[in-house]
Amino acid sequence: MTDSIDDDLFDTITAGECDFQVGDNVVYPHHGAGVVRARAPRKVLGEDREYLKIRILHNDMTVHVPCDQAAAVGLRRVIDEDTVRKVLGVLEGPCTEMPKNWNRRFKHNREKIKTGDIYELAEVVRNLATRENDKGLSTGEKQMFTRAKKVLASELMYALEKSEDEAEEYLDSILAPPAEGSPQALALAAAAAEAAGDDGDEVVVDDDALALQD
């Protein structure tokens, strides 16, 4: 894929200190995890600035981010072992409540993904996996689910020192429906029943129901 220079996003963001170095495994919220390949000055639109060149393997992309804006746009290092355990706990937990209307649900999950927070991303992946297994997903949600899984797997690849395929297979194994009659399956069924009881037969009228998905 053609290199991307993310420069126009930063006009109103205050510059900050940059401590990322060549070889660092980092996560860029817009695209996923990658490796800093270079840190060097570049002239863009007539202005000399120092840029981080980040290679993102899972979507075959190279992104150039202004070094002084790296922290402001959410660039961070790949999670450590302790955080991996917490993320796996989120993935293995029960589905949390989401809007019933698909359009609101899509917007709700999109906003969570945009935060760049690993726990929010894991929650979206888990909830969409659960819904896919139970009721199926709309076309837009399927695309969101596929992309969110790719982004999450790209970080687990570095955090767990796995290949891209191994990380995706590992994530799929965690998201697979539990065996019927297992303690996890019974717990998930109980949580779903309780949520259904709380919601009753409420009907939601969505003023944005005809809005186009991204």
N, C-alpha and C. Protein backbone atom coordinates (compact mmCIF):
# COMPACT_ATOMS: atom_id res chain seq x y z
N MET A 1 0.84 -1.18 0.00
CA MET A 1 0.00 0.00 0.00
C MET A 1 0.88 1.24 0.00
N THR A 2 0.42 2.30 -0.66
CA THR A 2 1.18 3.54 -0.72
C THR A 2 1.38 4.12 0.68
N ASP A 3 2.56 4.67 0.91
CA ASP A 3 2.83 5.30 2.19
C ASP A 3 1.83 6.40 2.47
N SER A 4 1.48 6.54 3.74
CA SER A 4 0.54 7.57 4.16
C SER A 4 1.23 8.53 5.11
N ILE A 5 1.06 9.83 4.87
CA ILE A 5 1.61 10.84 5.77
C ILE A 5 0.45 11.49 6.50
N ASP A 6 0.34 11.19 7.77
CA ASP A 6 -0.75 11.74 8.57
C ASP A 6 -0.32 13.08 9.13
N ASP A 7 -0.56 14.13 8.35
CA ASP A 7 -0.07 15.45 8.73
C ASP A 7 -1.21 16.45 8.93
N ASP A 8 -2.29 16.31 8.13
CA ASP A 8 -3.36 17.30 8.20
C ASP A 8 -4.24 17.13 9.43
N LEU A 9 -4.02 16.07 10.20
CA LEU A 9 -4.83 15.85 11.39
C LEU A 9 -4.37 16.69 12.57
N PHE A 10 -3.22 17.32 12.46
CA PHE A 10 -2.56 17.86 13.64
C PHE A 10 -2.52 19.39 13.71
N ASP A 11 -3.31 20.06 12.89
CA ASP A 11 -3.22 21.51 12.83
C ASP A 11 -3.55 22.18 14.17
N THR A 12 -4.48 21.59 14.93
CA THR A 12 -4.93 22.24 16.16
C THR A 12 -4.43 21.54 17.41
N ILE A 13 -3.50 20.60 17.25
CA ILE A 13 -3.00 19.84 18.39
C ILE A 13 -1.68 20.41 18.87
N THR A 14 -1.57 20.59 20.15
CA THR A 14 -0.35 21.14 20.72
C THR A 14 0.78 20.12 20.64
N ALA A 15 1.96 20.56 20.25
CA ALA A 15 3.10 19.66 20.13
C ALA A 15 3.52 19.13 21.49
N GLY A 16 4.05 17.93 21.48
CA GLY A 16 4.50 17.31 22.73
C GLY A 16 5.83 16.62 22.53
N GLU A 17 6.39 16.13 23.61
CA GLU A 17 7.69 15.47 23.55
C GLU A 17 7.53 14.08 22.96
N CYS A 18 8.51 13.65 22.18
CA CYS A 18 8.47 12.35 21.53
C CYS A 18 9.63 11.50 22.02
N ASP A 19 9.32 10.34 22.60
CA ASP A 19 10.39 9.47 23.10
C ASP A 19 10.40 8.12 22.40
N PHE A 20 9.74 8.03 21.24
CA PHE A 20 9.74 6.79 20.48
C PHE A 20 11.02 6.69 19.65
N GLN A 21 11.57 5.47 19.61
CA GLN A 21 12.83 5.25 18.92
C GLN A 21 12.69 4.14 17.88
N VAL A 22 13.64 4.09 16.97
CA VAL A 22 13.66 3.04 15.95
C VAL A 22 13.68 1.67 16.63
N GLY A 23 12.80 0.78 16.18
CA GLY A 23 12.71 -0.56 16.75
C GLY A 23 11.59 -0.72 17.76
N ASP A 24 11.01 0.39 18.21
CA ASP A 24 9.90 0.29 19.17
C ASP A 24 8.66 -0.31 18.52
N ASN A 25 8.00 -1.22 19.23
CA ASN A 25 6.70 -1.73 18.80
C ASN A 25 5.63 -0.79 19.33
N VAL A 26 4.86 -0.21 18.42
CA VAL A 26 3.90 0.81 18.81
C VAL A 26 2.53 0.51 18.23
N VAL A 27 1.53 1.21 18.76
CA VAL A 27 0.16 1.08 18.26
C VAL A 27 -0.33 2.45 17.83
N TYR A 28 -0.78 2.54 16.59
CA TYR A 28 -1.40 3.76 16.09
C TYR A 28 -2.90 3.47 15.99
N PRO A 29 -3.74 4.14 16.78
CA PRO A 29 -5.16 3.79 16.88
C PRO A 29 -5.88 3.68 15.55
N HIS A 30 -5.49 4.47 14.56
CA HIS A 30 -6.19 4.44 13.27
C HIS A 30 -5.92 3.16 12.48
N HIS A 31 -4.80 2.50 12.76
CA HIS A 31 -4.41 1.39 11.89
C HIS A 31 -3.99 0.11 12.61
N GLY A 32 -3.51 0.19 13.84
CA GLY A 32 -3.08 -1.01 14.55
C GLY A 32 -1.62 -0.94 14.96
N ALA A 33 -1.05 -2.11 15.26
CA ALA A 33 0.31 -2.17 15.78
C ALA A 33 1.34 -2.30 14.66
N GLY A 34 2.51 -1.72 14.94
CA GLY A 34 3.60 -1.80 13.97
C GLY A 34 4.93 -1.51 14.62
N VAL A 35 5.94 -1.29 13.81
CA VAL A 35 7.30 -1.06 14.29
C VAL A 35 7.81 0.27 13.74
N VAL A 36 8.46 1.05 14.61
CA VAL A 36 9.09 2.28 14.16
C VAL A 36 10.33 1.91 13.35
N ARG A 37 10.31 2.22 12.07
CA ARG A 37 11.42 1.86 11.18
C ARG A 37 12.44 2.98 11.04
N ALA A 38 12.01 4.21 11.24
CA ALA A 38 12.93 5.33 11.09
C ALA A 38 12.38 6.54 11.83
N ARG A 39 13.30 7.41 12.17
CA ARG A 39 12.96 8.70 12.79
C ARG A 39 13.87 9.72 12.14
N ALA A 40 13.28 10.53 11.25
CA ALA A 40 14.12 11.40 10.44
C ALA A 40 13.32 12.61 9.96
N PRO A 41 14.02 13.70 9.63
CA PRO A 41 13.33 14.89 9.13
C PRO A 41 12.80 14.68 7.72
N ARG A 42 11.67 15.33 7.44
CA ARG A 42 11.09 15.31 6.10
C ARG A 42 10.50 16.68 5.83
N LYS A 43 10.51 17.06 4.57
CA LYS A 43 9.88 18.33 4.18
C LYS A 43 8.52 18.02 3.60
N VAL A 44 7.49 18.52 4.25
CA VAL A 44 6.11 18.32 3.79
C VAL A 44 5.44 19.68 3.72
N LEU A 45 4.88 20.00 2.55
CA LEU A 45 4.24 21.29 2.34
C LEU A 45 5.19 22.44 2.67
N GLY A 46 6.46 22.25 2.34
CA GLY A 46 7.45 23.28 2.53
C GLY A 46 7.97 23.42 3.94
N GLU A 47 7.55 22.55 4.83
CA GLU A 47 7.95 22.66 6.23
C GLU A 47 8.79 21.44 6.63
N ASP A 48 9.92 21.68 7.29
CA ASP A 48 10.77 20.59 7.79
C ASP A 48 10.31 20.17 9.17
N ARG A 49 9.98 18.88 9.31
CA ARG A 49 9.57 18.34 10.60
C ARG A 49 10.16 16.94 10.73
N GLU A 50 10.35 16.51 11.97
CA GLU A 50 10.84 15.16 12.21
C GLU A 50 9.64 14.21 12.23
N TYR A 51 9.77 13.10 11.51
CA TYR A 51 8.68 12.14 11.39
C TYR A 51 9.11 10.75 11.89
N LEU A 52 8.12 10.02 12.40
CA LEU A 52 8.29 8.61 12.69
C LEU A 52 7.74 7.81 11.52
N LYS A 53 8.55 6.93 10.98
CA LYS A 53 8.11 6.04 9.90
C LYS A 53 7.72 4.71 10.55
N ILE A 54 6.44 4.38 10.50
CA ILE A 54 5.90 3.21 11.19
C ILE A 54 5.40 2.19 10.17
N ARG A 55 5.94 1.00 10.23
CA ARG A 55 5.52 -0.08 9.33
C ARG A 55 4.47 -0.92 10.04
N ILE A 56 3.27 -1.00 9.45
CA ILE A 56 2.18 -1.77 10.04
C ILE A 56 1.97 -3.01 9.17
N LEU A 57 2.29 -4.16 9.73
CA LEU A 57 2.36 -5.39 8.95
C LEU A 57 0.99 -5.88 8.49
N HIS A 58 0.00 -5.86 9.39
CA HIS A 58 -1.25 -6.58 9.09
C HIS A 58 -2.02 -5.99 7.91
N ASN A 59 -1.84 -4.70 7.63
CA ASN A 59 -2.51 -4.13 6.46
C ASN A 59 -1.52 -3.61 5.42
N ASP A 60 -0.26 -4.04 5.55
CA ASP A 60 0.79 -3.72 4.58
C ASP A 60 0.86 -2.22 4.32
N MET A 61 0.98 -1.45 5.40
CA MET A 61 0.97 0.00 5.29
C MET A 61 2.17 0.60 6.01
N THR A 62 2.66 1.70 5.48
CA THR A 62 3.67 2.50 6.17
C THR A 62 3.08 3.87 6.42
N VAL A 63 3.11 4.29 7.68
CA VAL A 63 2.53 5.58 8.07
C VAL A 63 3.64 6.48 8.58
N HIS A 64 3.60 7.75 8.19
CA HIS A 64 4.54 8.74 8.69
C HIS A 64 3.79 9.68 9.62
N VAL A 65 4.20 9.75 10.86
CA VAL A 65 3.54 10.57 11.87
C VAL A 65 4.52 11.64 12.36
N PRO A 66 4.11 12.91 12.37
CA PRO A 66 5.00 13.94 12.93
C PRO A 66 5.40 13.58 14.35
N CYS A 67 6.70 13.58 14.61
CA CYS A 67 7.21 13.12 15.90
C CYS A 67 6.63 13.91 17.06
N ASP A 68 6.50 15.23 16.89
CA ASP A 68 6.04 16.05 18.00
C ASP A 68 4.55 15.92 18.26
N GLN A 69 3.83 15.17 17.41
CA GLN A 69 2.40 14.97 17.60
C GLN A 69 2.07 13.52 17.94
N ALA A 70 3.08 12.69 18.12
CA ALA A 70 2.86 11.25 18.31
C ALA A 70 1.97 10.96 19.52
N ALA A 71 2.30 11.57 20.66
CA ALA A 71 1.50 11.32 21.86
C ALA A 71 0.11 11.89 21.73
N ALA A 72 -0.01 13.04 21.10
CA ALA A 72 -1.30 13.71 20.98
C ALA A 72 -2.30 12.89 20.16
N VAL A 73 -1.82 12.13 19.17
CA VAL A 73 -2.73 11.35 18.34
C VAL A 73 -2.94 9.93 18.88
N GLY A 74 -2.38 9.66 20.06
CA GLY A 74 -2.64 8.37 20.69
C GLY A 74 -1.62 7.29 20.41
N LEU A 75 -0.51 7.62 19.77
CA LEU A 75 0.52 6.62 19.54
C LEU A 75 1.07 6.14 20.89
N ARG A 76 1.16 4.85 21.07
CA ARG A 76 1.63 4.29 22.34
C ARG A 76 2.39 3.00 22.06
N ARG A 77 3.09 2.55 23.09
CA ARG A 77 3.82 1.29 22.96
C ARG A 77 2.86 0.11 23.11
N VAL A 78 3.25 -1.02 22.54
CA VAL A 78 2.45 -2.24 22.64
C VAL A 78 2.32 -2.64 24.12
N ILE A 79 1.18 -3.20 24.47
CA ILE A 79 0.88 -3.56 25.85
C ILE A 79 1.87 -4.58 26.41
N ASP A 80 2.03 -4.55 27.74
CA ASP A 80 2.93 -5.48 28.42
C ASP A 80 2.19 -6.74 28.85
N GLU A 81 2.90 -7.64 29.50
CA GLU A 81 2.33 -8.95 29.87
C GLU A 81 1.15 -8.81 30.82
N ASP A 82 1.25 -7.91 31.77
CA ASP A 82 0.16 -7.72 32.73
C ASP A 82 -1.11 -7.22 32.03
N THR A 83 -0.94 -6.29 31.09
CA THR A 83 -2.09 -5.76 30.37
C THR A 83 -2.69 -6.82 29.45
N VAL A 84 -1.84 -7.68 28.88
CA VAL A 84 -2.35 -8.78 28.05
C VAL A 84 -3.33 -9.63 28.86
N ARG A 85 -2.97 -9.96 30.10
CA ARG A 85 -3.85 -10.77 30.94
C ARG A 85 -5.19 -10.07 31.17
N LYS A 86 -5.14 -8.77 31.37
CA LYS A 86 -6.39 -8.02 31.59
C LYS A 86 -7.24 -7.99 30.32
N VAL A 87 -6.59 -7.84 29.18
CA VAL A 87 -7.31 -7.83 27.91
C VAL A 87 -7.97 -9.20 27.65
N LEU A 88 -7.24 -10.26 27.95
CA LEU A 88 -7.82 -11.60 27.78
C LEU A 88 -9.02 -11.78 28.71
N GLY A 89 -8.96 -11.17 29.90
CA GLY A 89 -10.09 -11.23 30.81
C GLY A 89 -11.32 -10.55 30.22
N VAL A 90 -11.11 -9.44 29.53
CA VAL A 90 -12.22 -8.76 28.86
C VAL A 90 -12.79 -9.63 27.75
N LEU A 91 -11.92 -10.21 26.95
CA LEU A 91 -12.36 -11.04 25.82
C LEU A 91 -13.14 -12.27 26.27
N GLU A 92 -12.79 -12.79 27.44
CA GLU A 92 -13.44 -14.00 27.93
C GLU A 92 -14.66 -13.70 28.79
N GLY A 93 -14.94 -12.45 29.03
CA GLY A 93 -16.08 -12.07 29.86
C GLY A 93 -17.39 -12.08 29.10
N PRO A 94 -18.50 -11.85 29.81
CA PRO A 94 -19.82 -11.83 29.17
C PRO A 94 -20.02 -10.56 28.36
N CYS A 95 -20.90 -10.64 27.39
CA CYS A 95 -21.24 -9.50 26.55
C CYS A 95 -21.89 -8.41 27.39
N THR A 96 -21.48 -7.17 27.19
CA THR A 96 -22.11 -6.06 27.89
C THR A 96 -23.23 -5.47 27.03
N GLU A 97 -24.06 -4.66 27.65
CA GLU A 97 -25.24 -4.13 26.97
C GLU A 97 -24.84 -3.20 25.84
N MET A 98 -25.51 -3.36 24.71
CA MET A 98 -25.33 -2.49 23.56
C MET A 98 -26.70 -2.02 23.10
N PRO A 99 -26.77 -0.90 22.37
CA PRO A 99 -28.06 -0.46 21.82
C PRO A 99 -28.69 -1.55 20.96
N LYS A 100 -30.02 -1.65 21.03
CA LYS A 100 -30.70 -2.69 20.24
C LYS A 100 -30.76 -2.33 18.77
N ASN A 101 -30.93 -1.04 18.48
CA ASN A 101 -31.00 -0.59 17.10
C ASN A 101 -29.62 -0.70 16.46
N TRP A 102 -29.55 -1.31 15.27
CA TRP A 102 -28.25 -1.58 14.65
C TRP A 102 -27.47 -0.30 14.37
N ASN A 103 -28.21 0.78 13.98
CA ASN A 103 -27.54 2.02 13.64
C ASN A 103 -26.89 2.65 14.87
N ARG A 104 -27.61 2.68 15.97
CA ARG A 104 -27.05 3.20 17.22
C ARG A 104 -25.92 2.31 17.72
N ARG A 105 -26.10 1.01 17.56
CA ARG A 105 -25.07 0.06 18.01
C ARG A 105 -23.78 0.26 17.21
N PHE A 106 -23.93 0.49 15.92
CA PHE A 106 -22.77 0.71 15.06
C PHE A 106 -22.02 1.97 15.51
N LYS A 107 -22.73 3.05 15.75
CA LYS A 107 -22.10 4.30 16.19
C LYS A 107 -21.46 4.14 17.57
N HIS A 108 -22.15 3.41 18.45
CA HIS A 108 -21.65 3.17 19.80
C HIS A 108 -20.29 2.45 19.75
N ASN A 109 -20.22 1.41 18.95
CA ASN A 109 -18.98 0.64 18.84
C ASN A 109 -17.89 1.41 18.10
N ARG A 110 -18.29 2.19 17.11
CA ARG A 110 -17.30 2.98 16.38
C ARG A 110 -16.61 3.99 17.29
N GLU A 111 -17.39 4.62 18.17
CA GLU A 111 -16.81 5.59 19.09
C GLU A 111 -15.84 4.91 20.06
N LYS A 112 -16.16 3.71 20.50
CA LYS A 112 -15.26 2.98 21.39
C LYS A 112 -13.94 2.66 20.69
N ILE A 113 -14.01 2.24 19.44
CA ILE A 113 -12.80 1.90 18.69
C ILE A 113 -11.94 3.15 18.49
N LYS A 114 -12.57 4.28 18.22
CA LYS A 114 -11.84 5.51 17.94
C LYS A 114 -11.04 6.02 19.14
N THR A 115 -11.38 5.59 20.35
CA THR A 115 -10.63 6.04 21.53
C THR A 115 -9.18 5.55 21.51
N GLY A 116 -8.94 4.42 20.83
CA GLY A 116 -7.60 3.83 20.84
C GLY A 116 -7.30 3.05 22.09
N ASP A 117 -8.24 2.97 23.02
CA ASP A 117 -8.05 2.24 24.28
C ASP A 117 -8.16 0.74 24.02
N ILE A 118 -7.17 -0.02 24.47
CA ILE A 118 -7.14 -1.46 24.20
C ILE A 118 -8.30 -2.19 24.83
N TYR A 119 -8.75 -1.73 26.00
CA TYR A 119 -9.87 -2.40 26.67
C TYR A 119 -11.19 -2.12 25.95
N GLU A 120 -11.35 -0.90 25.47
CA GLU A 120 -12.55 -0.56 24.70
C GLU A 120 -12.59 -1.39 23.41
N LEU A 121 -11.44 -1.50 22.75
CA LEU A 121 -11.37 -2.30 21.52
C LEU A 121 -11.70 -3.76 21.81
N ALA A 122 -11.14 -4.30 22.90
CA ALA A 122 -11.41 -5.70 23.25
C ALA A 122 -12.88 -5.91 23.57
N GLU A 123 -13.51 -4.93 24.20
CA GLU A 123 -14.94 -5.05 24.52
C GLU A 123 -15.77 -5.08 23.25
N VAL A 124 -15.44 -4.23 22.29
CA VAL A 124 -16.17 -4.22 21.02
C VAL A 124 -16.01 -5.56 20.30
N VAL A 125 -14.78 -6.06 20.24
CA VAL A 125 -14.52 -7.34 19.57
C VAL A 125 -15.31 -8.46 20.24
N ARG A 126 -15.28 -8.50 21.57
CA ARG A 126 -16.01 -9.54 22.31
C ARG A 126 -17.51 -9.44 22.08
N ASN A 127 -18.06 -8.23 22.16
CA ASN A 127 -19.51 -8.06 22.01
C ASN A 127 -19.97 -8.41 20.61
N LEU A 128 -19.21 -8.00 19.60
CA LEU A 128 -19.59 -8.33 18.23
C LEU A 128 -19.45 -9.82 17.95
N ALA A 129 -18.44 -10.45 18.54
CA ALA A 129 -18.29 -11.90 18.39
C ALA A 129 -19.48 -12.63 19.00
N THR A 130 -19.90 -12.18 20.17
CA THR A 130 -21.05 -12.80 20.84
C THR A 130 -22.31 -12.62 20.02
N ARG A 131 -22.50 -11.41 19.50
CA ARG A 131 -23.71 -11.15 18.71
C ARG A 131 -23.69 -11.94 17.40
N GLU A 132 -22.52 -12.06 16.80
CA GLU A 132 -22.42 -12.84 15.56
C GLU A 132 -22.82 -14.29 15.81
N ASN A 133 -22.36 -14.84 16.94
CA ASN A 133 -22.69 -16.23 17.26
C ASN A 133 -24.17 -16.42 17.59
N ASP A 134 -24.77 -15.39 18.22
CA ASP A 134 -26.15 -15.53 18.68
C ASP A 134 -27.17 -15.13 17.62
N LYS A 135 -26.97 -13.96 16.99
CA LYS A 135 -28.00 -13.39 16.12
C LYS A 135 -27.50 -13.03 14.74
N GLY A 136 -26.20 -13.01 14.56
CA GLY A 136 -25.65 -12.56 13.29
C GLY A 136 -25.44 -11.05 13.28
N LEU A 137 -24.63 -10.56 12.35
CA LEU A 137 -24.31 -9.15 12.25
C LEU A 137 -24.75 -8.59 10.91
N SER A 138 -25.05 -7.30 10.91
CA SER A 138 -25.33 -6.61 9.65
C SER A 138 -24.03 -6.52 8.84
N THR A 139 -24.16 -6.16 7.58
CA THR A 139 -22.98 -6.06 6.71
C THR A 139 -21.96 -5.08 7.27
N GLY A 140 -22.44 -3.91 7.72
CA GLY A 140 -21.54 -2.91 8.27
C GLY A 140 -20.85 -3.40 9.53
N GLU A 141 -21.59 -4.11 10.38
CA GLU A 141 -21.01 -4.62 11.62
C GLU A 141 -20.01 -5.74 11.35
N LYS A 142 -20.26 -6.53 10.32
CA LYS A 142 -19.30 -7.58 9.96
C LYS A 142 -17.97 -6.95 9.54
N GLN A 143 -18.05 -5.88 8.76
CA GLN A 143 -16.83 -5.19 8.34
C GLN A 143 -16.11 -4.59 9.54
N MET A 144 -16.88 -3.99 10.44
CA MET A 144 -16.29 -3.42 11.66
C MET A 144 -15.63 -4.52 12.49
N PHE A 145 -16.30 -5.65 12.64
CA PHE A 145 -15.79 -6.77 13.44
C PHE A 145 -14.48 -7.28 12.86
N THR A 146 -14.45 -7.45 11.54
CA THR A 146 -13.24 -7.94 10.88
C THR A 146 -12.07 -6.98 11.08
N ARG A 147 -12.33 -5.68 10.92
CA ARG A 147 -11.25 -4.70 11.07
C ARG A 147 -10.80 -4.61 12.53
N ALA A 148 -11.75 -4.61 13.46
CA ALA A 148 -11.40 -4.51 14.88
C ALA A 148 -10.57 -5.72 15.32
N LYS A 149 -10.93 -6.90 14.84
CA LYS A 149 -10.15 -8.10 15.17
C LYS A 149 -8.74 -8.01 14.61
N LYS A 150 -8.61 -7.49 13.40
CA LYS A 150 -7.29 -7.34 12.78
C LYS A 150 -6.41 -6.41 13.61
N VAL A 151 -6.99 -5.29 14.05
CA VAL A 151 -6.23 -4.32 14.83
C VAL A 151 -5.81 -4.93 16.17
N LEU A 152 -6.74 -5.62 16.82
CA LEU A 152 -6.43 -6.23 18.11
C LEU A 152 -5.40 -7.35 17.95
N ALA A 153 -5.56 -8.18 16.94
CA ALA A 153 -4.61 -9.27 16.70
C ALA A 153 -3.23 -8.72 16.38
N SER A 154 -3.17 -7.57 15.70
CA SER A 154 -1.87 -7.00 15.35
C SER A 154 -1.09 -6.63 16.61
N GLU A 155 -1.79 -6.19 17.66
CA GLU A 155 -1.09 -5.86 18.90
C GLU A 155 -0.72 -7.12 19.68
N LEU A 156 -1.63 -8.09 19.70
CA LEU A 156 -1.32 -9.36 20.38
C LEU A 156 -0.14 -10.06 19.71
N MET A 157 0.01 -9.87 18.41
CA MET A 157 1.12 -10.47 17.68
C MET A 157 2.46 -10.05 18.29
N TYR A 158 2.60 -8.75 18.56
CA TYR A 158 3.83 -8.25 19.16
C TYR A 158 3.91 -8.56 20.65
N ALA A 159 2.79 -8.41 21.34
CA ALA A 159 2.79 -8.60 22.79
C ALA A 159 3.08 -10.04 23.18
N LEU A 160 2.60 -10.99 22.37
CA LEU A 160 2.77 -12.41 22.67
C LEU A 160 3.86 -13.05 21.83
N GLU A 161 4.52 -12.25 21.00
CA GLU A 161 5.59 -12.73 20.13
C GLU A 161 5.13 -13.89 19.25
N LYS A 162 4.04 -13.65 18.54
CA LYS A 162 3.49 -14.63 17.62
C LYS A 162 3.57 -14.09 16.20
N SER A 163 3.39 -14.98 15.22
CA SER A 163 3.28 -14.53 13.84
C SER A 163 1.89 -13.93 13.65
N GLU A 164 1.69 -13.26 12.53
CA GLU A 164 0.39 -12.66 12.25
C GLU A 164 -0.72 -13.72 12.24
N ASP A 165 -0.47 -14.83 11.55
CA ASP A 165 -1.48 -15.90 11.48
C ASP A 165 -1.73 -16.52 12.85
N GLU A 166 -0.67 -16.72 13.61
CA GLU A 166 -0.82 -17.31 14.94
C GLU A 166 -1.63 -16.40 15.86
N ALA A 167 -1.39 -15.10 15.77
CA ALA A 167 -2.13 -14.15 16.61
C ALA A 167 -3.62 -14.16 16.26
N GLU A 168 -3.93 -14.21 14.97
CA GLU A 168 -5.33 -14.23 14.55
C GLU A 168 -6.01 -15.53 14.97
N GLU A 169 -5.31 -16.64 14.82
CA GLU A 169 -5.88 -17.93 15.25
C GLU A 169 -6.08 -17.96 16.76
N TYR A 170 -5.14 -17.39 17.49
CA TYR A 170 -5.25 -17.34 18.95
C TYR A 170 -6.46 -16.52 19.36
N LEU A 171 -6.65 -15.37 18.72
CA LEU A 171 -7.80 -14.52 19.04
C LEU A 171 -9.11 -15.23 18.69
N ASP A 172 -9.16 -15.88 17.54
CA ASP A 172 -10.37 -16.61 17.14
C ASP A 172 -10.70 -17.73 18.13
N SER A 173 -9.66 -18.39 18.67
CA SER A 173 -9.91 -19.47 19.63
C SER A 173 -10.52 -18.92 20.92
N ILE A 174 -10.12 -17.73 21.33
CA ILE A 174 -10.67 -17.12 22.53
C ILE A 174 -12.12 -16.71 22.30
N LEU A 175 -12.42 -16.24 21.10
CA LEU A 175 -13.76 -15.74 20.79
C LEU A 175 -14.73 -16.84 20.39
N ALA A 176 -14.24 -18.05 20.19
CA ALA A 176 -15.12 -19.16 19.79
C ALA A 176 -16.17 -19.43 20.88
N PRO A 177 -17.39 -19.78 20.49
CA PRO A 177 -18.44 -20.05 21.48
C PRO A 177 -18.01 -21.18 22.42
N PRO A 178 -18.27 -21.05 23.72
CA PRO A 178 -17.91 -22.12 24.65
C PRO A 178 -18.73 -23.37 24.40
N ALA A 179 -18.18 -24.51 24.77
CA ALA A 179 -18.89 -25.78 24.56
C ALA A 179 -20.21 -25.78 25.32
N GLU A 180 -21.22 -26.34 24.71
CA GLU A 180 -22.55 -26.38 25.33
C GLU A 180 -22.49 -27.13 26.67
N GLY A 181 -23.07 -26.53 27.69
CA GLY A 181 -23.09 -27.15 29.01
C GLY A 181 -21.89 -26.83 29.87
N SER A 182 -20.89 -26.13 29.30
CA SER A 182 -19.70 -25.78 30.08
C SER A 182 -20.05 -24.66 31.06
N PRO A 183 -19.27 -24.50 32.14
CA PRO A 183 -19.54 -23.42 33.10
C PRO A 183 -19.59 -22.05 32.43
N GLN A 184 -18.69 -21.82 31.47
CA GLN A 184 -18.68 -20.52 30.80
C GLN A 184 -19.96 -20.32 30.00
N ALA A 185 -20.42 -21.38 29.30
CA ALA A 185 -21.64 -21.28 28.52
C ALA A 185 -22.84 -21.00 29.41
N LEU A 186 -22.91 -21.67 30.56
CA LEU A 186 -24.02 -21.46 31.49
C LEU A 186 -24.00 -20.03 32.05
N ALA A 187 -22.80 -19.53 32.35
CA ALA A 187 -22.68 -18.18 32.89
C ALA A 187 -23.10 -17.14 31.86
N LEU A 188 -22.68 -17.34 30.61
CA LEU A 188 -23.04 -16.42 29.55
C LEU A 188 -24.54 -16.45 29.29
N ALA A 189 -25.14 -17.65 29.34
CA ALA A 189 -26.59 -17.77 29.13
C ALA A 189 -27.36 -17.06 30.24
N ALA A 190 -26.88 -17.19 31.47
CA ALA A 190 -27.53 -16.53 32.60
C ALA A 190 -27.45 -15.02 32.46
N ALA A 191 -26.28 -14.51 32.04
CA ALA A 191 -26.12 -13.07 31.87
C ALA A 191 -27.01 -12.55 30.76
N ALA A 192 -27.13 -13.33 29.67
CA ALA A 192 -27.98 -12.92 28.55
C ALA A 192 -29.44 -12.89 28.96
N ALA A 193 -29.85 -13.89 29.74
CA ALA A 193 -31.24 -13.96 30.20
C ALA A 193 -31.57 -12.78 31.10
N GLU A 194 -30.63 -12.43 31.96
CA GLU A 194 -30.85 -11.30 32.87
C GLU A 194 -30.96 -9.99 32.09
N ALA A 195 -30.10 -9.82 31.09
CA ALA A 195 -30.15 -8.61 30.27
C ALA A 195 -31.46 -8.52 29.51
N ALA A 196 -31.93 -9.66 29.00
CA ALA A 196 -33.19 -9.67 28.26
C ALA A 196 -34.35 -9.32 29.17
N GLY A 197 -34.29 -9.78 30.41
CA GLY A 197 -35.35 -9.48 31.37
C GLY A 197 -35.39 -8.01 31.71
N ASP A 198 -34.22 -7.38 31.80
CA ASP A 198 -34.17 -5.95 32.11
C ASP A 198 -34.70 -5.12 30.96
N ASP A 199 -34.43 -5.54 29.72
CA ASP A 199 -34.83 -4.75 28.57
C ASP A 199 -36.31 -4.87 28.26
N GLY A 200 -36.91 -6.02 28.60
CA GLY A 200 -38.32 -6.24 28.31
C GLY A 200 -38.57 -6.18 26.82
N ASP A 201 -39.73 -5.59 26.45
CA ASP A 201 -40.11 -5.50 25.05
C ASP A 201 -39.98 -4.08 24.54
N GLU A 202 -39.04 -3.34 25.08
CA GLU A 202 -38.87 -1.94 24.70
C GLU A 202 -38.58 -1.81 23.22
N VAL A 203 -39.24 -0.86 22.59
CA VAL A 203 -39.01 -0.56 21.17
C VAL A 203 -38.33 0.79 21.08
N VAL A 204 -37.22 0.86 20.35
CA VAL A 204 -36.47 2.09 20.22
C VAL A 204 -36.70 2.68 18.84
N VAL A 205 -37.11 3.94 18.80
CA VAL A 205 -37.27 4.65 17.54
C VAL A 205 -36.04 5.52 17.34
N ASP A 206 -35.32 5.28 16.27
CA ASP A 206 -34.05 5.96 16.04
C ASP A 206 -34.22 6.98 14.92
N ASP A 207 -34.02 8.27 15.27
CA ASP A 207 -34.15 9.32 14.27
C ASP A 207 -33.11 9.20 13.17
N ASP A 208 -31.99 8.52 13.48
CA ASP A 208 -30.90 8.40 12.50
C ASP A 208 -30.92 7.04 11.80
N ALA A 209 -32.06 6.36 11.85
CA ALA A 209 -32.10 4.98 11.36
C ALA A 209 -31.74 4.87 9.89
N LEU A 210 -31.92 5.96 9.14
CA LEU A 210 -31.65 5.90 7.69
C LEU A 210 -30.27 6.43 7.35
N ALA A 211 -29.48 6.76 8.37
CA ALA A 211 -28.14 7.29 8.11
C ALA A 211 -27.27 6.21 7.48
N LEU A 212 -26.39 6.63 6.59
CA LEU A 212 -25.49 5.69 5.94
C LEU A 212 -24.37 5.30 6.88
N GLN A 213 -23.95 4.06 6.81
CA GLN A 213 -22.79 3.58 7.58
C GLN A 213 -21.54 4.05 6.89
N ASP A 214 -20.47 4.20 7.72
CA ASP A 214 -19.16 4.53 7.15
C ASP A 214 -18.63 3.34 6.38
